[in-house]
Amino acid sequence: MTTEPPAEPPRRRRFGLSVRALMVLVLIVGGGIGCVVNHASYHRGQVASKLKRFGVEPPVTNLVARAIERTPRPTG
């Protein structure tokens, strides 16, 4: 009769979490950040739409374009 060797314990990484737990954590946090960014974009669009109805030119709501506009340009 042969006996099998004992099963290896799950591999652990930093913070005492398994690789699978770390992957799930990354997906949850990453998805949460995406939701926050999309939700904020939605509200910026709502405000811009209301401003347009009152005849006011809204500011740029695209954060990347806004950052490019505000970046100082080298002179020379």
PDB file of N, CA and C in Angstrom:
ATOM      1  N   MET A   1       0.849  -1.162   0.000  1.00  0.00           N
ATOM      2  CA  MET A   1       0.000   0.000   0.000  1.00  0.00           C
ATOM      3  C   MET A   1       0.904   1.236   0.000  1.00  0.00           C
ATOM      4  N   THR A   2       0.639   2.163  -0.935  1.00  0.00           N
ATOM      5  CA  THR A   2       1.449   3.382  -0.993  1.00  0.00           C
ATOM      6  C   THR A   2       0.665   4.538  -0.386  1.00  0.00           C
ATOM      7  N   THR A   3       1.379   5.372   0.265  1.00  0.00           N
ATOM      8  CA  THR A   3       0.725   6.560   0.821  1.00  0.00           C
ATOM      9  C   THR A   3       1.194   7.782   0.042  1.00  0.00           C
ATOM     10  N   GLU A   4       0.266   8.641  -0.208  1.00  0.00           N
ATOM     11  CA  GLU A   4       0.599   9.853  -0.952  1.00  0.00           C
ATOM     12  C   GLU A   4       1.236  10.869  -0.012  1.00  0.00           C
ATOM     13  N   PRO A   5       2.134  11.682  -0.563  1.00  0.00           N
ATOM     14  CA  PRO A   5       2.735  12.707   0.291  1.00  0.00           C
ATOM     15  C   PRO A   5       1.672  13.735   0.698  1.00  0.00           C
ATOM     16  N   PRO A   6       1.849  14.363   1.817  1.00  0.00           N
ATOM     17  CA  PRO A   6       0.849  15.344   2.250  1.00  0.00           C
ATOM     18  C   PRO A   6       0.759  16.489   1.237  1.00  0.00           C
ATOM     19  N   ALA A   7      -0.433  17.007   1.086  1.00  0.00           N
ATOM     20  CA  ALA A   7      -0.650  18.109   0.147  1.00  0.00           C
ATOM     21  C   ALA A   7       0.102  19.342   0.615  1.00  0.00           C
ATOM     22  N   GLU A   8       0.632  20.083  -0.366  1.00  0.00           N
ATOM     23  CA  GLU A   8       1.352  21.309  -0.017  1.00  0.00           C
ATOM     24  C   GLU A   8       0.355  22.373   0.424  1.00  0.00           C
ATOM     25  N   PRO A   9       0.721  23.149   1.421  1.00  0.00           N
ATOM     26  CA  PRO A   9      -0.176  24.241   1.814  1.00  0.00           C
ATOM     27  C   PRO A   9      -0.212  25.278   0.693  1.00  0.00           C
ATOM     28  N   PRO A  10      -1.282  26.073   0.608  1.00  0.00           N
ATOM     29  CA  PRO A  10      -1.350  27.083  -0.449  1.00  0.00           C
ATOM     30  C   PRO A  10      -0.173  28.050  -0.340  1.00  0.00           C
ATOM     31  N   ARG A  11       0.338  28.461  -1.507  1.00  0.00           N
ATOM     32  CA  ARG A  11       1.458  29.400  -1.511  1.00  0.00           C
ATOM     33  C   ARG A  11       0.984  30.750  -0.997  1.00  0.00           C
ATOM     34  N   ARG A  12       1.799  31.332  -0.166  1.00  0.00           N
ATOM     35  CA  ARG A  12       1.452  32.633   0.416  1.00  0.00           C
ATOM     36  C   ARG A  12       2.360  33.718  -0.146  1.00  0.00           C
ATOM     37  N   ARG A  13       1.823  34.898  -0.239  1.00  0.00           N
ATOM     38  CA  ARG A  13       2.587  36.051  -0.688  1.00  0.00           C
ATOM     39  C   ARG A  13       2.586  37.088   0.416  1.00  0.00           C
ATOM     40  N   ARG A  14       2.881  38.297   0.058  1.00  0.00           N
ATOM     41  CA  ARG A  14       2.872  39.377   1.035  1.00  0.00           C
ATOM     42  C   ARG A  14       1.529  39.488   1.718  1.00  0.00           C
ATOM     43  N   PHE A  15       1.546  40.006   2.899  1.00  0.00           N
ATOM     44  CA  PHE A  15       0.358  40.236   3.710  1.00  0.00           C
ATOM     45  C   PHE A  15      -0.362  38.942   4.070  1.00  0.00           C
ATOM     46  N   GLY A  16       0.260  37.815   3.846  1.00  0.00           N
ATOM     47  CA  GLY A  16      -0.335  36.540   4.210  1.00  0.00           C
ATOM     48  C   GLY A  16      -1.501  36.137   3.322  1.00  0.00           C
ATOM     49  N   LEU A  17      -1.613  36.718   2.131  1.00  0.00           N
ATOM     50  CA  LEU A  17      -2.712  36.383   1.228  1.00  0.00           C
ATOM     51  C   LEU A  17      -2.234  35.423   0.155  1.00  0.00           C
ATOM     52  N   SER A  18      -3.128  34.568  -0.291  1.00  0.00           N
ATOM     53  CA  SER A  18      -2.787  33.665  -1.378  1.00  0.00           C
ATOM     54  C   SER A  18      -2.776  34.451  -2.685  1.00  0.00           C
ATOM     55  N   VAL A  19      -2.215  33.858  -3.708  1.00  0.00           N
ATOM     56  CA  VAL A  19      -2.168  34.499  -5.021  1.00  0.00           C
ATOM     57  C   VAL A  19      -3.586  34.782  -5.507  1.00  0.00           C
ATOM     58  N   ARG A  20      -4.470  33.842  -5.316  1.00  0.00           N
ATOM     59  CA  ARG A  20      -5.866  34.023  -5.757  1.00  0.00           C
ATOM     60  C   ARG A  20      -6.520  35.193  -5.017  1.00  0.00           C
ATOM     61  N   ALA A  21      -6.298  35.279  -3.710  1.00  0.00           N
ATOM     62  CA  ALA A  21      -6.886  36.370  -2.928  1.00  0.00           C
ATOM     63  C   ALA A  21      -6.346  37.714  -3.391  1.00  0.00           C
ATOM     64  N   LEU A  22      -5.048  37.768  -3.708  1.00  0.00           N
ATOM     65  CA  LEU A  22      -4.469  39.012  -4.206  1.00  0.00           C
ATOM     66  C   LEU A  22      -5.075  39.401  -5.549  1.00  0.00           C
ATOM     67  N   MET A  23      -5.303  38.426  -6.416  1.00  0.00           N
ATOM     68  CA  MET A  23      -5.907  38.713  -7.721  1.00  0.00           C
ATOM     69  C   MET A  23      -7.320  39.265  -7.547  1.00  0.00           C
ATOM     70  N   VAL A  24      -8.092  38.671  -6.666  1.00  0.00           N
ATOM     71  CA  VAL A  24      -9.448  39.151  -6.412  1.00  0.00           C
ATOM     72  C   VAL A  24      -9.407  40.563  -5.849  1.00  0.00           C
ATOM     73  N   LEU A  25      -8.499  40.822  -4.938  1.00  0.00           N
ATOM     74  CA  LEU A  25      -8.366  42.154  -4.346  1.00  0.00           C
ATOM     75  C   LEU A  25      -8.024  43.192  -5.414  1.00  0.00           C
ATOM     76  N   VAL A  26      -7.114  42.851  -6.305  1.00  0.00           N
ATOM     77  CA  VAL A  26      -6.741  43.776  -7.382  1.00  0.00           C
ATOM     78  C   VAL A  26      -7.940  44.061  -8.275  1.00  0.00           C
ATOM     79  N   LEU A  27      -8.716  43.041  -8.602  1.00  0.00           N
ATOM     80  CA  LEU A  27      -9.895  43.251  -9.449  1.00  0.00           C
ATOM     81  C   LEU A  27     -10.931  44.134  -8.761  1.00  0.00           C
ATOM     82  N   ILE A  28     -11.134  43.925  -7.478  1.00  0.00           N
ATOM     83  CA  ILE A  28     -12.125  44.725  -6.744  1.00  0.00           C
ATOM     84  C   ILE A  28     -11.679  46.175  -6.653  1.00  0.00           C
ATOM     85  N   VAL A  29     -10.434  46.396  -6.256  1.00  0.00           N
ATOM     86  CA  VAL A  29      -9.938  47.764  -6.109  1.00  0.00           C
ATOM     87  C   VAL A  29      -9.884  48.452  -7.465  1.00  0.00           C
ATOM     88  N   GLY A  30      -9.360  47.769  -8.466  1.00  0.00           N
ATOM     89  CA  GLY A  30      -9.284  48.350  -9.810  1.00  0.00           C
ATOM     90  C   GLY A  30     -10.656  48.690 -10.362  1.00  0.00           C
ATOM     91  N   GLY A  31     -11.605  47.802 -10.168  1.00  0.00           N
ATOM     92  CA  GLY A  31     -12.965  48.066 -10.629  1.00  0.00           C
ATOM     93  C   GLY A  31     -13.598  49.219  -9.881  1.00  0.00           C
ATOM     94  N   GLY A  32     -13.303  49.316  -8.593  1.00  0.00           N
ATOM     95  CA  GLY A  32     -13.848  50.408  -7.790  1.00  0.00           C
ATOM     96  C   GLY A  32     -13.331  51.757  -8.245  1.00  0.00           C
ATOM     97  N   ILE A  33     -12.051  51.816  -8.574  1.00  0.00           N
ATOM     98  CA  ILE A  33     -11.476  53.073  -9.051  1.00  0.00           C
ATOM     99  C   ILE A  33     -12.112  53.461 -10.381  1.00  0.00           C
ATOM    100  N   GLY A  34     -12.307  52.475 -11.247  1.00  0.00           N
ATOM    101  CA  GLY A  34     -12.958  52.752 -12.534  1.00  0.00           C
ATOM    102  C   GLY A  34     -14.365  53.279 -12.348  1.00  0.00           C
ATOM    103  N   CYS A  35     -15.091  52.727 -11.397  1.00  0.00           N
ATOM    104  CA  CYS A  35     -16.456  53.196 -11.134  1.00  0.00           C
ATOM    105  C   CYS A  35     -16.459  54.631 -10.642  1.00  0.00           C
ATOM    106  N   VAL A  36     -15.533  54.967  -9.777  1.00  0.00           N
ATOM    107  CA  VAL A  36     -15.459  56.336  -9.243  1.00  0.00           C
ATOM    108  C   VAL A  36     -15.165  57.315 -10.371  1.00  0.00           C
ATOM    109  N   VAL A  37     -14.217  56.966 -11.235  1.00  0.00           N
ATOM    110  CA  VAL A  37     -13.866  57.855 -12.344  1.00  0.00           C
ATOM    111  C   VAL A  37     -15.048  58.014 -13.285  1.00  0.00           C
ATOM    112  N   ASN A  38     -15.699  56.924 -13.644  1.00  0.00           N
ATOM    113  CA  ASN A  38     -16.852  57.012 -14.549  1.00  0.00           C
ATOM    114  C   ASN A  38     -17.999  57.782 -13.919  1.00  0.00           C
ATOM    115  N   HIS A  39     -18.224  57.593 -12.639  1.00  0.00           N
ATOM    116  CA  HIS A  39     -19.317  58.281 -11.952  1.00  0.00           C
ATOM    117  C   HIS A  39     -19.055  59.786 -11.931  1.00  0.00           C
ATOM    118  N   ALA A  40     -17.820  60.175 -11.662  1.00  0.00           N
ATOM    119  CA  ALA A  40     -17.468  61.597 -11.656  1.00  0.00           C
ATOM    120  C   ALA A  40     -17.626  62.190 -13.051  1.00  0.00           C
ATOM    121  N   SER A  41     -17.242  61.447 -14.088  1.00  0.00           N
ATOM    122  CA  SER A  41     -17.405  61.922 -15.463  1.00  0.00           C
ATOM    123  C   SER A  41     -18.876  62.144 -15.781  1.00  0.00           C
ATOM    124  N   TYR A  42     -19.716  61.261 -15.315  1.00  0.00           N
ATOM    125  CA  TYR A  42     -21.156  61.371 -15.537  1.00  0.00           C
ATOM    126  C   TYR A  42     -21.687  62.680 -14.955  1.00  0.00           C
ATOM    127  N   HIS A  43     -21.278  62.986 -13.729  1.00  0.00           N
ATOM    128  CA  HIS A  43     -21.763  64.212 -13.092  1.00  0.00           C
ATOM    129  C   HIS A  43     -21.182  65.464 -13.745  1.00  0.00           C
ATOM    130  N   ARG A  44     -19.930  65.406 -14.191  1.00  0.00           N
ATOM    131  CA  ARG A  44     -19.363  66.556 -14.904  1.00  0.00           C
ATOM    132  C   ARG A  44     -20.163  66.818 -16.171  1.00  0.00           C
ATOM    133  N   GLY A  45     -20.560  65.758 -16.844  1.00  0.00           N
ATOM    134  CA  GLY A  45     -21.383  65.904 -18.052  1.00  0.00           C
ATOM    135  C   GLY A  45     -22.746  66.503 -17.733  1.00  0.00           C
ATOM    136  N   GLN A  46     -23.334  66.105 -16.623  1.00  0.00           N
ATOM    137  CA  GLN A  46     -24.629  66.672 -16.222  1.00  0.00           C
ATOM    138  C   GLN A  46     -24.518  68.172 -15.985  1.00  0.00           C
ATOM    139  N   VAL A  47     -23.489  68.589 -15.279  1.00  0.00           N
ATOM    140  CA  VAL A  47     -23.297  70.014 -14.983  1.00  0.00           C
ATOM    141  C   VAL A  47     -23.048  70.781 -16.279  1.00  0.00           C
ATOM    142  N   ALA A  48     -22.229  70.237 -17.161  1.00  0.00           N
ATOM    143  CA  ALA A  48     -21.944  70.897 -18.436  1.00  0.00           C
ATOM    144  C   ALA A  48     -23.223  71.062 -19.248  1.00  0.00           C
ATOM    145  N   SER A  49     -24.068  70.043 -19.248  1.00  0.00           N
ATOM    146  CA  SER A  49     -25.330  70.111 -19.987  1.00  0.00           C
ATOM    147  C   SER A  49     -26.232  71.209 -19.437  1.00  0.00           C
ATOM    148  N   LYS A  50     -26.314  71.319 -18.123  1.00  0.00           N
ATOM    149  CA  LYS A  50     -27.153  72.354 -17.514  1.00  0.00           C
ATOM    150  C   LYS A  50     -26.603  73.749 -17.806  1.00  0.00           C
ATOM    151  N   LEU A  51     -25.290  73.895 -17.775  1.00  0.00           N
ATOM    152  CA  LEU A  51     -24.693  75.193 -18.093  1.00  0.00           C
ATOM    153  C   LEU A  51     -25.015  75.600 -19.538  1.00  0.00           C
ATOM    154  N   LYS A  52     -24.930  74.641 -20.460  1.00  0.00           N
ATOM    155  CA  LYS A  52     -25.232  74.933 -21.871  1.00  0.00           C
ATOM    156  C   LYS A  52     -26.671  75.400 -22.034  1.00  0.00           C
ATOM    157  N   ARG A  53     -27.597  74.810 -21.287  1.00  0.00           N
ATOM    158  CA  ARG A  53     -29.004  75.218 -21.370  1.00  0.00           C
ATOM    159  C   ARG A  53     -29.197  76.680 -20.983  1.00  0.00           C
ATOM    160  N   PHE A  54     -28.334  77.173 -20.094  1.00  0.00           N
ATOM    161  CA  PHE A  54     -28.426  78.568 -19.660  1.00  0.00           C
ATOM    162  C   PHE A  54     -27.543  79.487 -20.501  1.00  0.00           C
ATOM    163  N   GLY A  55     -26.966  78.955 -21.576  1.00  0.00           N
ATOM    164  CA  GLY A  55     -26.164  79.777 -22.466  1.00  0.00           C
ATOM    165  C   GLY A  55     -24.745  80.031 -21.988  1.00  0.00           C
ATOM    166  N   VAL A  56     -24.291  79.263 -21.008  1.00  0.00           N
ATOM    167  CA  VAL A  56     -22.930  79.419 -20.482  1.00  0.00           C
ATOM    168  C   VAL A  56     -22.040  78.358 -21.117  1.00  0.00           C
ATOM    169  N   GLU A  57     -20.861  78.771 -21.569  1.00  0.00           N
ATOM    170  CA  GLU A  57     -19.910  77.806 -22.133  1.00  0.00           C
ATOM    171  C   GLU A  57     -19.251  77.039 -20.979  1.00  0.00           C
ATOM    172  N   PRO A  58     -19.500  75.741 -20.872  1.00  0.00           N
ATOM    173  CA  PRO A  58     -18.929  74.979 -19.752  1.00  0.00           C
ATOM    174  C   PRO A  58     -17.427  74.777 -19.924  1.00  0.00           C
ATOM    175  N   PRO A  59     -16.723  74.567 -18.813  1.00  0.00           N
ATOM    176  CA  PRO A  59     -15.291  74.265 -18.928  1.00  0.00           C
ATOM    177  C   PRO A  59     -15.087  72.877 -19.524  1.00  0.00           C
ATOM    178  N   VAL A  60     -13.881  72.582 -19.888  1.00  0.00           N
ATOM    179  CA  VAL A  60     -13.552  71.267 -20.442  1.00  0.00           C
ATOM    180  C   VAL A  60     -13.806  70.210 -19.373  1.00  0.00           C
ATOM    181  N   THR A  61     -14.556  69.177 -19.721  1.00  0.00           N
ATOM    182  CA  THR A  61     -14.841  68.111 -18.746  1.00  0.00           C
ATOM    183  C   THR A  61     -13.925  66.907 -18.925  1.00  0.00           C
ATOM    184  N   ASN A  62     -13.167  66.878 -20.011  1.00  0.00           N
ATOM    185  CA  ASN A  62     -12.214  65.800 -20.236  1.00  0.00           C
ATOM    186  C   ASN A  62     -10.967  66.109 -19.409  1.00  0.00           C
ATOM    187  N   LEU A  63     -10.714  65.322 -18.385  1.00  0.00           N
ATOM    188  CA  LEU A  63      -9.608  65.614 -17.469  1.00  0.00           C
ATOM    189  C   LEU A  63      -8.248  65.562 -18.140  1.00  0.00           C
ATOM    190  N   VAL A  64      -8.072  64.687 -19.122  1.00  0.00           N
ATOM    191  CA  VAL A  64      -6.789  64.606 -19.819  1.00  0.00           C
ATOM    192  C   VAL A  64      -6.573  65.882 -20.633  1.00  0.00           C
ATOM    193  N   ALA A  65      -7.606  66.294 -21.375  1.00  0.00           N
ATOM    194  CA  ALA A  65      -7.494  67.526 -22.165  1.00  0.00           C
ATOM    195  C   ALA A  65      -7.261  68.728 -21.252  1.00  0.00           C
ATOM    196  N   ARG A  66      -7.932  68.745 -20.124  1.00  0.00           N
ATOM    197  CA  ARG A  66      -7.768  69.849 -19.184  1.00  0.00           C
ATOM    198  C   ARG A  66      -6.345  69.896 -18.640  1.00  0.00           C
ATOM    199  N   ALA A  67      -5.791  68.743 -18.323  1.00  0.00           N
ATOM    200  CA  ALA A  67      -4.416  68.694 -17.818  1.00  0.00           C
ATOM    201  C   ALA A  67      -3.439  69.181 -18.880  1.00  0.00           C
ATOM    202  N   ILE A  68      -3.680  68.809 -20.144  1.00  0.00           N
ATOM    203  CA  ILE A  68      -2.809  69.262 -21.237  1.00  0.00           C
ATOM    204  C   ILE A  68      -2.912  70.771 -21.388  1.00  0.00           C
ATOM    205  N   GLU A  69      -4.130  71.311 -21.296  1.00  0.00           N
ATOM    206  CA  GLU A  69      -4.317  72.752 -21.419  1.00  0.00           C
ATOM    207  C   GLU A  69      -3.600  73.513 -20.313  1.00  0.00           C
ATOM    208  N   ARG A  70      -3.589  72.957 -19.119  1.00  0.00           N
ATOM    209  CA  ARG A  70      -3.015  73.651 -17.957  1.00  0.00           C
ATOM    210  C   ARG A  70      -1.514  73.422 -17.789  1.00  0.00           C
ATOM    211  N   THR A  71      -0.935  72.535 -18.573  1.00  0.00           N
ATOM    212  CA  THR A  71       0.490  72.273 -18.471  1.00  0.00           C
ATOM    213  C   THR A  71       1.264  73.446 -19.061  1.00  0.00           C
ATOM    214  N   PRO A  72       2.183  74.020 -18.286  1.00  0.00           N
ATOM    215  CA  PRO A  72       2.950  75.148 -18.828  1.00  0.00           C
ATOM    216  C   PRO A  72       3.779  74.718 -20.030  1.00  0.00           C
ATOM    217  N   ARG A  73       3.806  75.562 -21.036  1.00  0.00           N
ATOM    218  CA  ARG A  73       4.577  75.279 -22.240  1.00  0.00           C
ATOM    219  C   ARG A  73       5.942  75.971 -22.125  1.00  0.00           C
ATOM    220  N   PRO A  74       6.975  75.307 -22.605  1.00  0.00           N
ATOM    221  CA  PRO A  74       8.292  75.953 -22.561  1.00  0.00           C
ATOM    222  C   PRO A  74       8.323  77.163 -23.507  1.00  0.00           C
ATOM    223  N   THR A  75       8.966  78.206 -23.077  1.00  0.00           N
ATOM    224  CA  THR A  75       9.073  79.393 -23.915  1.00  0.00           C
ATOM    225  C   THR A  75      10.429  79.386 -24.615  1.00  0.00           C
ATOM    226  N   GLY A  76      10.442  79.940 -25.796  1.00  0.00           N
ATOM    227  CA  GLY A  76      11.749  80.010 -26.443  1.00  0.00           C
ATOM    228  C   GLY A  76      11.744  79.764 -27.878  1.00  0.00           C
TER     229      GLY A  76
END
